[in-house]
PDB file of N, CA and C in Angstrom:
ATOM      1  N   MET A   1       6.679  -7.459  -1.635  1.00  0.00           N
ATOM      2  CA  MET A   1       7.872  -6.681  -1.378  1.00  0.00           C
ATOM      3  C   MET A   1       9.104  -7.383  -1.960  1.00  0.00           C
ATOM      4  N   ASP A   2       9.031  -8.696  -2.044  1.00  0.00           N
ATOM      5  CA  ASP A   2      10.180  -9.430  -2.566  1.00  0.00           C
ATOM      6  C   ASP A   2      10.389  -9.149  -4.050  1.00  0.00           C
ATOM      7  N   SER A   3       9.297  -8.993  -4.797  1.00  0.00           N
ATOM      8  CA  SER A   3       9.440  -8.693  -6.228  1.00  0.00           C
ATOM      9  C   SER A   3      10.020  -7.293  -6.435  1.00  0.00           C
ATOM     10  N   LEU A   4       9.668  -6.353  -5.571  1.00  0.00           N
ATOM     11  CA  LEU A   4      10.252  -5.011  -5.634  1.00  0.00           C
ATOM     12  C   LEU A   4      11.741  -5.066  -5.326  1.00  0.00           C
ATOM     13  N   ARG A   5      12.115  -5.832  -4.321  1.00  0.00           N
ATOM     14  CA  ARG A   5      13.525  -5.973  -3.956  1.00  0.00           C
ATOM     15  C   ARG A   5      14.326  -6.556  -5.121  1.00  0.00           C
ATOM     16  N   LEU A   6      13.784  -7.576  -5.770  1.00  0.00           N
ATOM     17  CA  LEU A   6      14.477  -8.175  -6.918  1.00  0.00           C
ATOM     18  C   LEU A   6      14.585  -7.203  -8.085  1.00  0.00           C
ATOM     19  N   LEU A   7      13.539  -6.406  -8.317  1.00  0.00           N
ATOM     20  CA  LEU A   7      13.582  -5.407  -9.377  1.00  0.00           C
ATOM     21  C   LEU A   7      14.682  -4.379  -9.120  1.00  0.00           C
ATOM     22  N   VAL A   8      14.756  -3.886  -7.895  1.00  0.00           N
ATOM     23  CA  VAL A   8      15.778  -2.887  -7.552  1.00  0.00           C
ATOM     24  C   VAL A   8      17.174  -3.480  -7.720  1.00  0.00           C
ATOM     25  N   LEU A   9      17.395  -4.702  -7.268  1.00  0.00           N
ATOM     26  CA  LEU A   9      18.702  -5.333  -7.416  1.00  0.00           C
ATOM     27  C   LEU A   9      19.060  -5.553  -8.882  1.00  0.00           C
ATOM     28  N   ARG A  10      18.061  -5.871  -9.699  1.00  0.00           N
ATOM     29  CA  ARG A  10      18.314  -6.051 -11.137  1.00  0.00           C
ATOM     30  C   ARG A  10      18.651  -4.717 -11.801  1.00  0.00           C
ATOM     31  N   LEU A  11      17.945  -3.643 -11.399  1.00  0.00           N
ATOM     32  CA  LEU A  11      18.185  -2.327 -12.011  1.00  0.00           C
ATOM     33  C   LEU A  11      19.602  -1.819 -11.751  1.00  0.00           C
ATOM     34  N   ILE A  12      20.137  -2.086 -10.580  1.00  0.00           N
ATOM     35  CA  ILE A  12      21.480  -1.584 -10.256  1.00  0.00           C
ATOM     36  C   ILE A  12      22.575  -2.587 -10.597  1.00  0.00           C
ATOM     37  N   CYS A  13      22.189  -3.704 -11.199  1.00  0.00           N
ATOM     38  CA  CYS A  13      23.134  -4.771 -11.551  1.00  0.00           C
ATOM     39  C   CYS A  13      23.945  -5.184 -10.322  1.00  0.00           C
ATOM     40  N   ALA A  14      23.255  -5.532  -9.276  1.00  0.00           N
ATOM     41  CA  ALA A  14      23.891  -5.851  -7.995  1.00  0.00           C
ATOM     42  C   ALA A  14      24.827  -7.047  -8.098  1.00  0.00           C
ATOM     43  N   ASP A  15      24.571  -7.953  -9.013  1.00  0.00           N
ATOM     44  CA  ASP A  15      25.449  -9.109  -9.148  1.00  0.00           C
ATOM     45  C   ASP A  15      26.840  -8.730  -9.657  1.00  0.00           C
ATOM     46  N   ARG A  16      26.944  -7.628 -10.418  1.00  0.00           N
ATOM     47  CA  ARG A  16      28.242  -7.176 -10.932  1.00  0.00           C
ATOM     48  C   ARG A  16      28.787  -5.973 -10.175  1.00  0.00           C
ATOM     49  N   ALA A  17      27.915  -5.007  -9.870  1.00  0.00           N
ATOM     50  CA  ALA A  17      28.382  -3.739  -9.301  1.00  0.00           C
ATOM     51  C   ALA A  17      28.229  -3.666  -7.785  1.00  0.00           C
ATOM     52  N   GLY A  18      27.513  -4.591  -7.211  1.00  0.00           N
ATOM     53  CA  GLY A  18      27.304  -4.561  -5.769  1.00  0.00           C
ATOM     54  C   GLY A  18      26.059  -3.779  -5.394  1.00  0.00           C
ATOM     55  N   GLY A  19      25.811  -3.733  -4.120  1.00  0.00           N
ATOM     56  CA  GLY A  19      24.631  -3.072  -3.598  1.00  0.00           C
ATOM     57  C   GLY A  19      23.874  -4.027  -2.698  1.00  0.00           C
ATOM     58  N   ARG A  20      23.213  -3.477  -1.718  1.00  0.00           N
ATOM     59  CA  ARG A  20      22.420  -4.316  -0.821  1.00  0.00           C
ATOM     60  C   ARG A  20      21.102  -3.621  -0.520  1.00  0.00           C
ATOM     61  N   VAL A  21      20.094  -4.422  -0.314  1.00  0.00           N
ATOM     62  CA  VAL A  21      18.758  -3.917  -0.032  1.00  0.00           C
ATOM     63  C   VAL A  21      18.327  -4.452   1.327  1.00  0.00           C
ATOM     64  N   GLU A  22      17.888  -3.547   2.179  1.00  0.00           N
ATOM     65  CA  GLU A  22      17.336  -3.936   3.471  1.00  0.00           C
ATOM     66  C   GLU A  22      15.845  -3.629   3.464  1.00  0.00           C
ATOM     67  N   VAL A  23      15.046  -4.641   3.810  1.00  0.00           N
ATOM     68  CA  VAL A  23      13.606  -4.445   3.929  1.00  0.00           C
ATOM     69  C   VAL A  23      13.342  -3.982   5.353  1.00  0.00           C
ATOM     70  N   MET A  24      12.877  -2.745   5.497  1.00  0.00           N
ATOM     71  CA  MET A  24      12.663  -2.157   6.817  1.00  0.00           C
ATOM     72  C   MET A  24      11.345  -2.623   7.441  1.00  0.00           C
ATOM     73  N   ASP A  25      10.289  -2.656   6.648  1.00  0.00           N
ATOM     74  CA  ASP A  25       8.991  -3.148   7.092  1.00  0.00           C
ATOM     75  C   ASP A  25       8.235  -3.619   5.858  1.00  0.00           C
ATOM     76  N   SER A  26       6.958  -3.878   6.003  1.00  0.00           N
ATOM     77  CA  SER A  26       6.190  -4.432   4.885  1.00  0.00           C
ATOM     78  C   SER A  26       5.962  -3.439   3.753  1.00  0.00           C
ATOM     79  N   ARG A  27       6.314  -2.152   3.950  1.00  0.00           N
ATOM     80  CA  ARG A  27       6.081  -1.135   2.927  1.00  0.00           C
ATOM     81  C   ARG A  27       7.335  -0.350   2.540  1.00  0.00           C
ATOM     82  N   THR A  28       8.463  -0.597   3.194  1.00  0.00           N
ATOM     83  CA  THR A  28       9.639   0.237   2.966  1.00  0.00           C
ATOM     84  C   THR A  28      10.883  -0.629   2.776  1.00  0.00           C
ATOM     85  N   LEU A  29      11.687  -0.269   1.779  1.00  0.00           N
ATOM     86  CA  LEU A  29      13.006  -0.871   1.646  1.00  0.00           C
ATOM     87  C   LEU A  29      14.025   0.221   1.360  1.00  0.00           C
ATOM     88  N   VAL A  30      15.278  -0.048   1.761  1.00  0.00           N
ATOM     89  CA  VAL A  30      16.351   0.922   1.589  1.00  0.00           C
ATOM     90  C   VAL A  30      17.492   0.249   0.847  1.00  0.00           C
ATOM     91  N   LEU A  31      17.998   0.937  -0.160  1.00  0.00           N
ATOM     92  CA  LEU A  31      19.096   0.451  -0.980  1.00  0.00           C
ATOM     93  C   LEU A  31      20.378   1.162  -0.562  1.00  0.00           C
ATOM     94  N   TYR A  32      21.414   0.374  -0.235  1.00  0.00           N
ATOM     95  CA  TYR A  32      22.719   0.913   0.163  1.00  0.00           C
ATOM     96  C   TYR A  32      23.792   0.413  -0.793  1.00  0.00           C
ATOM     97  N   ASP A  33      24.909   1.102  -0.808  1.00  0.00           N
ATOM     98  CA  ASP A  33      26.142   0.674  -1.478  1.00  0.00           C
ATOM     99  C   ASP A  33      26.023   0.494  -2.983  1.00  0.00           C
ATOM    100  N   CYS A  34      25.080   1.168  -3.626  1.00  0.00           N
ATOM    101  CA  CYS A  34      24.991   1.059  -5.078  1.00  0.00           C
ATOM    102  C   CYS A  34      25.827   2.174  -5.704  1.00  0.00           C
ATOM    103  N   THR A  35      26.364   1.907  -6.876  1.00  0.00           N
ATOM    104  CA  THR A  35      27.246   2.877  -7.518  1.00  0.00           C
ATOM    105  C   THR A  35      26.489   4.033  -8.148  1.00  0.00           C
ATOM    106  N   ALA A  36      25.258   3.791  -8.611  1.00  0.00           N
ATOM    107  CA  ALA A  36      24.486   4.859  -9.255  1.00  0.00           C
ATOM    108  C   ALA A  36      23.003   4.558  -9.173  1.00  0.00           C
ATOM    109  N   TRP A  37      22.225   5.620  -9.084  1.00  0.00           N
ATOM    110  CA  TRP A  37      20.758   5.534  -9.158  1.00  0.00           C
ATOM    111  C   TRP A  37      20.320   6.731  -9.989  1.00  0.00           C
ATOM    112  N   ASP A  38      19.833   6.479 -11.187  1.00  0.00           N
ATOM    113  CA  ASP A  38      19.456   7.581 -12.064  1.00  0.00           C
ATOM    114  C   ASP A  38      17.949   7.602 -12.300  1.00  0.00           C
ATOM    115  N   SER A  39      17.508   8.514 -13.155  1.00  0.00           N
ATOM    116  CA  SER A  39      16.077   8.664 -13.408  1.00  0.00           C
ATOM    117  C   SER A  39      15.499   7.428 -14.094  1.00  0.00           C
ATOM    118  N   HIS A  40      16.314   6.718 -14.846  1.00  0.00           N
ATOM    119  CA  HIS A  40      15.836   5.485 -15.480  1.00  0.00           C
ATOM    120  C   HIS A  40      15.418   4.466 -14.419  1.00  0.00           C
ATOM    121  N   CYS A  41      16.189   4.350 -13.364  1.00  0.00           N
ATOM    122  CA  CYS A  41      15.851   3.423 -12.282  1.00  0.00           C
ATOM    123  C   CYS A  41      14.548   3.845 -11.605  1.00  0.00           C
ATOM    124  N   THR A  42      14.430   5.130 -11.318  1.00  0.00           N
ATOM    125  CA  THR A  42      13.215   5.642 -10.688  1.00  0.00           C
ATOM    126  C   THR A  42      12.006   5.404 -11.583  1.00  0.00           C
ATOM    127  N   ASP A  43      12.144   5.712 -12.874  1.00  0.00           N
ATOM    128  CA  ASP A  43      11.039   5.524 -13.813  1.00  0.00           C
ATOM    129  C   ASP A  43      10.630   4.055 -13.920  1.00  0.00           C
ATOM    130  N   SER A  44      11.602   3.161 -13.894  1.00  0.00           N
ATOM    131  CA  SER A  44      11.306   1.732 -13.996  1.00  0.00           C
ATOM    132  C   SER A  44      10.532   1.233 -12.783  1.00  0.00           C
ATOM    133  N   VAL A  45      10.930   1.693 -11.601  1.00  0.00           N
ATOM    134  CA  VAL A  45      10.226   1.278 -10.386  1.00  0.00           C
ATOM    135  C   VAL A  45       8.806   1.838 -10.378  1.00  0.00           C
ATOM    136  N   VAL A  46       8.659   3.115 -10.723  1.00  0.00           N
ATOM    137  CA  VAL A  46       7.330   3.749 -10.703  1.00  0.00           C
ATOM    138  C   VAL A  46       6.426   3.165 -11.791  1.00  0.00           C
ATOM    139  N   ALA A  47       6.989   2.769 -12.923  1.00  0.00           N
ATOM    140  CA  ALA A  47       6.186   2.156 -13.981  1.00  0.00           C
ATOM    141  C   ALA A  47       5.592   0.839 -13.510  1.00  0.00           C
ATOM    142  N   ARG A  48       6.354   0.093 -12.755  1.00  0.00           N
ATOM    143  CA  ARG A  48       5.866  -1.203 -12.255  1.00  0.00           C
ATOM    144  C   ARG A  48       5.041  -1.063 -10.987  1.00  0.00           C
ATOM    145  N   TYR A  49       5.402  -0.103 -10.140  1.00  0.00           N
ATOM    146  CA  TYR A  49       4.718   0.123  -8.865  1.00  0.00           C
ATOM    147  C   TYR A  49       4.332   1.601  -8.768  1.00  0.00           C
ATOM    148  N   PRO A  50       3.185   2.004  -9.319  1.00  0.00           N
ATOM    149  CA  PRO A  50       2.798   3.422  -9.334  1.00  0.00           C
ATOM    150  C   PRO A  50       2.646   4.041  -7.949  1.00  0.00           C
ATOM    151  N   GLU A  51       2.402   3.239  -6.934  1.00  0.00           N
ATOM    152  CA  GLU A  51       2.230   3.775  -5.586  1.00  0.00           C
ATOM    153  C   GLU A  51       3.557   3.965  -4.853  1.00  0.00           C
ATOM    154  N   ALA A  52       4.670   3.672  -5.507  1.00  0.00           N
ATOM    155  CA  ALA A  52       5.984   3.790  -4.876  1.00  0.00           C
ATOM    156  C   ALA A  52       6.419   5.252  -4.786  1.00  0.00           C
ATOM    157  N   ARG A  53       6.930   5.628  -3.625  1.00  0.00           N
ATOM    158  CA  ARG A  53       7.548   6.941  -3.430  1.00  0.00           C
ATOM    159  C   ARG A  53       9.031   6.704  -3.189  1.00  0.00           C
ATOM    160  N   ILE A  54       9.859   7.355  -3.977  1.00  0.00           N
ATOM    161  CA  ILE A  54      11.301   7.108  -3.953  1.00  0.00           C
ATOM    162  C   ILE A  54      12.022   8.373  -3.532  1.00  0.00           C
ATOM    163  N   SER A  55      12.949   8.222  -2.590  1.00  0.00           N
ATOM    164  CA  SER A  55      13.770   9.358  -2.176  1.00  0.00           C
ATOM    165  C   SER A  55      15.230   8.920  -2.115  1.00  0.00           C
ATOM    166  N   VAL A  56      16.094   9.802  -2.561  1.00  0.00           N
ATOM    167  CA  VAL A  56      17.535   9.574  -2.516  1.00  0.00           C
ATOM    168  C   VAL A  56      18.108  10.559  -1.506  1.00  0.00           C
ATOM    169  N   HIS A  57      18.890  10.057  -0.570  1.00  0.00           N
ATOM    170  CA  HIS A  57      19.424  10.916   0.489  1.00  0.00           C
ATOM    171  C   HIS A  57      20.818  10.459   0.869  1.00  0.00           C
ATOM    172  N   SER A  58      21.579  11.354   1.452  1.00  0.00           N
ATOM    173  CA  SER A  58      22.933  10.997   1.884  1.00  0.00           C
ATOM    174  C   SER A  58      22.855  10.048   3.072  1.00  0.00           C
ATOM    175  N   SER A  59      23.844   9.153   3.150  1.00  0.00           N
ATOM    176  CA  SER A  59      23.851   8.167   4.220  1.00  0.00           C
ATOM    177  C   SER A  59      25.279   7.755   4.535  1.00  0.00           C
ATOM    178  N   ARG A  60      25.625   7.812   5.789  1.00  0.00           N
ATOM    179  CA  ARG A  60      26.957   7.357   6.212  1.00  0.00           C
ATOM    180  C   ARG A  60      27.019   5.842   6.312  1.00  0.00           C
ATOM    181  N   GLN A  61      25.888   5.188   6.333  1.00  0.00           N
ATOM    182  CA  GLN A  61      25.845   3.725   6.404  1.00  0.00           C
ATOM    183  C   GLN A  61      26.139   3.081   5.056  1.00  0.00           C
ATOM    184  N   SER A  62      26.096   3.874   3.990  1.00  0.00           N
ATOM    185  CA  SER A  62      26.300   3.359   2.648  1.00  0.00           C
ATOM    186  C   SER A  62      27.711   3.668   2.176  1.00  0.00           C
ATOM    187  N   LEU A  63      28.365   2.716   1.555  1.00  0.00           N
ATOM    188  CA  LEU A  63      29.720   2.925   1.029  1.00  0.00           C
ATOM    189  C   LEU A  63      29.745   3.961  -0.085  1.00  0.00           C
ATOM    190  N   SER A  64      28.636   4.105  -0.795  1.00  0.00           N
ATOM    191  CA  SER A  64      28.572   5.075  -1.889  1.00  0.00           C
ATOM    192  C   SER A  64      28.246   6.482  -1.396  1.00  0.00           C
ATOM    193  N   GLY A  65      27.860   6.621  -0.142  1.00  0.00           N
ATOM    194  CA  GLY A  65      27.559   7.936   0.406  1.00  0.00           C
ATOM    195  C   GLY A  65      26.096   8.343   0.302  1.00  0.00           C
ATOM    196  N   PHE A  66      25.296   7.521  -0.353  1.00  0.00           N
ATOM    197  CA  PHE A  66      23.869   7.821  -0.452  1.00  0.00           C
ATOM    198  C   PHE A  66      23.066   6.529  -0.331  1.00  0.00           C
ATOM    199  N   ALA A  67      21.799   6.691  -0.027  1.00  0.00           N
ATOM    200  CA  ALA A  67      20.881   5.563   0.054  1.00  0.00           C
ATOM    201  C   ALA A  67      19.594   5.941  -0.677  1.00  0.00           C
ATOM    202  N   VAL A  68      18.909   4.935  -1.155  1.00  0.00           N
ATOM    203  CA  VAL A  68      17.654   5.130  -1.861  1.00  0.00           C
ATOM    204  C   VAL A  68      16.561   4.436  -1.047  1.00  0.00           C
ATOM    205  N   THR A  69      15.541   5.196  -0.665  1.00  0.00           N
ATOM    206  CA  THR A  69      14.421   4.639   0.087  1.00  0.00           C
ATOM    207  C   THR A  69      13.216   4.531  -0.832  1.00  0.00           C
ATOM    208  N   VAL A  70      12.614   3.356  -0.852  1.00  0.00           N
ATOM    209  CA  VAL A  70      11.399   3.128  -1.629  1.00  0.00           C
ATOM    210  C   VAL A  70      10.305   2.786  -0.633  1.00  0.00           C
ATOM    211  N   HIS A  71       9.285   3.634  -0.598  1.00  0.00           N
ATOM    212  CA  HIS A  71       8.157   3.413   0.303  1.00  0.00           C
ATOM    213  C   HIS A  71       6.916   3.163  -0.530  1.00  0.00           C
ATOM    214  N   MET A  72       6.269   2.052  -0.260  1.00  0.00           N
ATOM    215  CA  MET A  72       5.051   1.694  -0.982  1.00  0.00           C
ATOM    216  C   MET A  72       3.865   2.263  -0.217  1.00  0.00           C
ATOM    217  N   GLY A  73       3.345   3.346  -0.709  1.00  0.00           N
ATOM    218  CA  GLY A  73       2.203   3.981  -0.072  1.00  0.00           C
ATOM    219  C   GLY A  73       1.168   4.328  -1.100  1.00  0.00           C
ATOM    220  N   ARG A  74       0.073   4.830  -0.636  1.00  0.00           N
ATOM    221  CA  ARG A  74      -0.973   5.245  -1.550  1.00  0.00           C
ATOM    222  C   ARG A  74      -0.610   6.574  -2.177  1.00  0.00           C
ATOM    223  N   ASN A  75      -1.075   6.756  -3.377  1.00  0.00           N
ATOM    224  CA  ASN A  75      -0.842   7.995  -4.101  1.00  0.00           C
ATOM    225  C   ASN A  75      -1.973   8.972  -3.764  1.00  0.00           C
ATOM    226  N   PRO A  76      -1.692  10.041  -2.976  1.00  0.00           N
ATOM    227  CA  PRO A  76      -2.771  10.930  -2.566  1.00  0.00           C
ATOM    228  C   PRO A  76      -3.442  11.657  -3.728  1.00  0.00           C
ATOM    229  N   GLY A  77      -2.734  11.963  -4.771  1.00  0.00           N
ATOM    230  CA  GLY A  77      -3.327  12.628  -5.922  1.00  0.00           C
ATOM    231  C   GLY A  77      -4.350  11.748  -6.609  1.00  0.00           C
ATOM    232  N   ARG A  78      -4.071  10.489  -6.687  1.00  0.00           N
ATOM    233  CA  ARG A  78      -4.981   9.547  -7.317  1.00  0.00           C
ATOM    234  C   ARG A  78      -6.259   9.413  -6.497  1.00  0.00           C
ATOM    235  N   GLU A  79      -6.126   9.326  -5.180  1.00  0.00           N
ATOM    236  CA  GLU A  79      -7.300   9.218  -4.311  1.00  0.00           C
ATOM    237  C   GLU A  79      -8.153  10.482  -4.399  1.00  0.00           C
ATOM    238  N   THR A  80      -7.517  11.639  -4.421  1.00  0.00           N
ATOM    239  CA  THR A  80      -8.254  12.896  -4.512  1.00  0.00           C
ATOM    240  C   THR A  80      -9.049  12.956  -5.812  1.00  0.00           C
ATOM    241  N   GLY A  81      -8.477  12.499  -6.876  1.00  0.00           N
ATOM    242  CA  GLY A  81      -9.170  12.476  -8.159  1.00  0.00           C
ATOM    243  C   GLY A  81     -10.429  11.626  -8.111  1.00  0.00           C
ATOM    244  N   TRP A  82     -10.331  10.461  -7.491  1.00  0.00           N
ATOM    245  CA  TRP A  82     -11.512   9.606  -7.386  1.00  0.00           C
ATOM    246  C   TRP A  82     -12.572  10.225  -6.491  1.00  0.00           C
ATOM    247  N   VAL A  83     -12.170  10.892  -5.422  1.00  0.00           N
ATOM    248  CA  VAL A  83     -13.136  11.550  -4.544  1.00  0.00           C
ATOM    249  C   VAL A  83     -13.901  12.625  -5.319  1.00  0.00           C
ATOM    250  N   VAL A  84     -13.202  13.386  -6.144  1.00  0.00           N
ATOM    251  CA  VAL A  84     -13.843  14.428  -6.942  1.00  0.00           C
ATOM    252  C   VAL A  84     -14.820  13.811  -7.947  1.00  0.00           C
ATOM    253  N   VAL A  85     -14.411  12.765  -8.634  1.00  0.00           N
ATOM    254  CA  VAL A  85     -15.278  12.117  -9.624  1.00  0.00           C
ATOM    255  C   VAL A  85     -16.532  11.561  -8.958  1.00  0.00           C
ATOM    256  N   ILE A  86     -16.383  10.877  -7.849  1.00  0.00           N
ATOM    257  CA  ILE A  86     -17.538  10.306  -7.155  1.00  0.00           C
ATOM    258  C   ILE A  86     -18.445  11.414  -6.624  1.00  0.00           C
ATOM    259  N   GLY A  87     -17.856  12.483  -6.102  1.00  0.00           N
ATOM    260  CA  GLY A  87     -18.654  13.612  -5.613  1.00  0.00           C
ATOM    261  C   GLY A  87     -19.465  14.261  -6.711  1.00  0.00           C
ATOM    262  N   LEU A  88     -18.866  14.456  -7.878  1.00  0.00           N
ATOM    263  CA  LEU A  88     -19.609  15.034  -9.004  1.00  0.00           C
ATOM    264  C   LEU A  88     -20.732  14.116  -9.472  1.00  0.00           C
ATOM    265  N   PHE A  89     -20.459  12.838  -9.499  1.00  0.00           N
ATOM    266  CA  PHE A  89     -21.483  11.870  -9.887  1.00  0.00           C
ATOM    267  C   PHE A  89     -22.659  11.905  -8.912  1.00  0.00           C
ATOM    268  N   MET A  90     -22.368  11.922  -7.633  1.00  0.00           N
ATOM    269  CA  MET A  90     -23.435  11.959  -6.624  1.00  0.00           C
ATOM    270  C   MET A  90     -24.211  13.274  -6.683  1.00  0.00           C
ATOM    271  N   ALA A  91     -23.521  14.380  -6.948  1.00  0.00           N
ATOM    272  CA  ALA A  91     -24.217  15.660  -7.077  1.00  0.00           C
ATOM    273  C   ALA A  91     -25.159  15.642  -8.281  1.00  0.00           C
ATOM    274  N   GLY A  92     -24.742  15.049  -9.370  1.00  0.00           N
ATOM    275  CA  GLY A  92     -25.599  14.922 -10.547  1.00  0.00           C
ATOM    276  C   GLY A  92     -26.819  14.067 -10.270  1.00  0.00           C
ATOM    277  N   CYS A  93     -26.623  12.966  -9.563  1.00  0.00           N
ATOM    278  CA  CYS A  93     -27.755  12.104  -9.195  1.00  0.00           C
ATOM    279  C   CYS A  93     -28.718  12.841  -8.280  1.00  0.00           C
ATOM    280  N   ALA A  94     -28.201  13.577  -7.310  1.00  0.00           N
ATOM    281  CA  ALA A  94     -29.062  14.322  -6.391  1.00  0.00           C
ATOM    282  C   ALA A  94     -29.855  15.383  -7.142  1.00  0.00           C
ATOM    283  N   TYR A  95     -29.235  16.049  -8.098  1.00  0.00           N
ATOM    284  CA  TYR A  95     -29.932  17.063  -8.895  1.00  0.00           C
ATOM    285  C   TYR A  95     -31.082  16.433  -9.676  1.00  0.00           C
ATOM    286  N   ILE A  96     -30.801  15.307 -10.293  1.00  0.00           N
ATOM    287  CA  ILE A  96     -31.848  14.639 -11.084  1.00  0.00           C
ATOM    288  C   ILE A  96     -33.005  14.195 -10.195  1.00  0.00           C
ATOM    289  N   LEU A  97     -32.701  13.689  -9.014  1.00  0.00           N
ATOM    290  CA  LEU A  97     -33.754  13.190  -8.118  1.00  0.00           C
ATOM    291  C   LEU A  97     -34.540  14.303  -7.435  1.00  0.00           C
ATOM    292  N   LEU A  98     -33.926  15.421  -7.133  1.00  0.00           N
ATOM    293  CA  LEU A  98     -34.568  16.457  -6.342  1.00  0.00           C
ATOM    294  C   LEU A  98     -35.227  17.572  -7.149  1.00  0.00           C
ATOM    295  N   ARG A  99     -34.903  17.726  -8.407  1.00  0.00           N
ATOM    296  CA  ARG A  99     -35.531  18.791  -9.203  1.00  0.00           C
ATOM    297  C   ARG A  99     -36.932  18.355  -9.590  1.00  0.00           C
ATOM    298  N   PRO A 100     -37.844  19.299  -9.776  1.00  0.00           N
ATOM    299  CA  PRO A 100     -39.197  18.920 -10.185  1.00  0.00           C
ATOM    300  C   PRO A 100     -39.172  18.377 -11.606  1.00  0.00           C
ATOM    301  N   PRO A 101     -40.053  17.475 -11.904  1.00  0.00           N
ATOM    302  CA  PRO A 101     -40.079  16.908 -13.261  1.00  0.00           C
ATOM    303  C   PRO A 101     -40.397  17.984 -14.301  1.00  0.00           C
ATOM    304  N   TRP A 102     -39.964  17.787 -15.515  1.00  0.00           N
ATOM    305  CA  TRP A 102     -40.159  18.772 -16.582  1.00  0.00           C
ATOM    306  C   TRP A 102     -41.632  18.920 -16.935  1.00  0.00           C
ATOM    307  N   TRP A 103     -42.436  17.893 -16.680  1.00  0.00           N
ATOM    308  CA  TRP A 103     -43.844  17.944 -17.053  1.00  0.00           C
ATOM    309  C   TRP A 103     -44.718  18.571 -15.972  1.00  0.00           C
ATOM    310  N   SER A 104     -44.172  18.890 -14.807  1.00  0.00           N
ATOM    311  CA  SER A 104     -44.999  19.426 -13.732  1.00  0.00           C
ATOM    312  C   SER A 104     -45.575  20.800 -14.095  1.00  0.00           C
ATOM    313  N   ASN A 105     -44.849  21.630 -14.819  1.00  0.00           N
ATOM    314  CA  ASN A 105     -45.357  22.943 -15.237  1.00  0.00           C
ATOM    315  C   ASN A 105     -46.471  22.804 -16.257  1.00  0.00           C
ATOM    316  N   GLN A 106     -46.413  21.804 -17.094  1.00  0.00           N
ATOM    317  CA  GLN A 106     -47.448  21.617 -18.103  1.00  0.00           C
ATOM    318  C   GLN A 106     -48.771  21.163 -17.470  1.00  0.00           C
ATOM    319  N   LEU A 107     -48.719  20.374 -16.398  1.00  0.00           N
ATOM    320  CA  LEU A 107     -49.942  19.910 -15.751  1.00  0.00           C
ATOM    321  C   LEU A 107     -50.670  21.049 -15.054  1.00  0.00           C
ATOM    322  N   LEU A 108     -49.947  22.027 -14.596  1.00  0.00           N
ATOM    323  CA  LEU A 108     -50.583  23.149 -13.905  1.00  0.00           C
ATOM    324  C   LEU A 108     -51.358  24.034 -14.872  1.00  0.00           C
ATOM    325  N   HIS A 109     -51.007  24.062 -16.125  1.00  0.00           N
ATOM    326  CA  HIS A 109     -51.665  24.917 -17.108  1.00  0.00           C
ATOM    327  C   HIS A 109     -52.896  24.261 -17.752  1.00  0.00           C
ATOM    328  N   ILE A 110     -53.142  23.033 -17.482  1.00  0.00           N
ATOM    329  CA  ILE A 110     -54.281  22.330 -18.092  1.00  0.00           C
ATOM    330  C   ILE A 110     -55.552  22.579 -17.327  1.00  0.00           C
TER     331      ILE A 110
END
């Protein structure tokens, strides 16, 4: 979480423009008092942390009037994709194991 916090502070140039990051728990941090958060910042965080979910919302606690929440969670779309791939693989294996062999019809005709 510390590397994510440093990345966010670097993206907003906190040393020059200000901004503060509060770590809420082991998976969530909130950015306050930053002057701007654009799509470049979001893309940079997601490129480094694909499981990050980012939301921008109004906040009276922030001097800029908005706050950015970054939550590190699992990506449900990615998990669903793997479930589908594994299910198809298992269905293929079951088909191969349970179908009669191709030579069984030939033995009956002999």
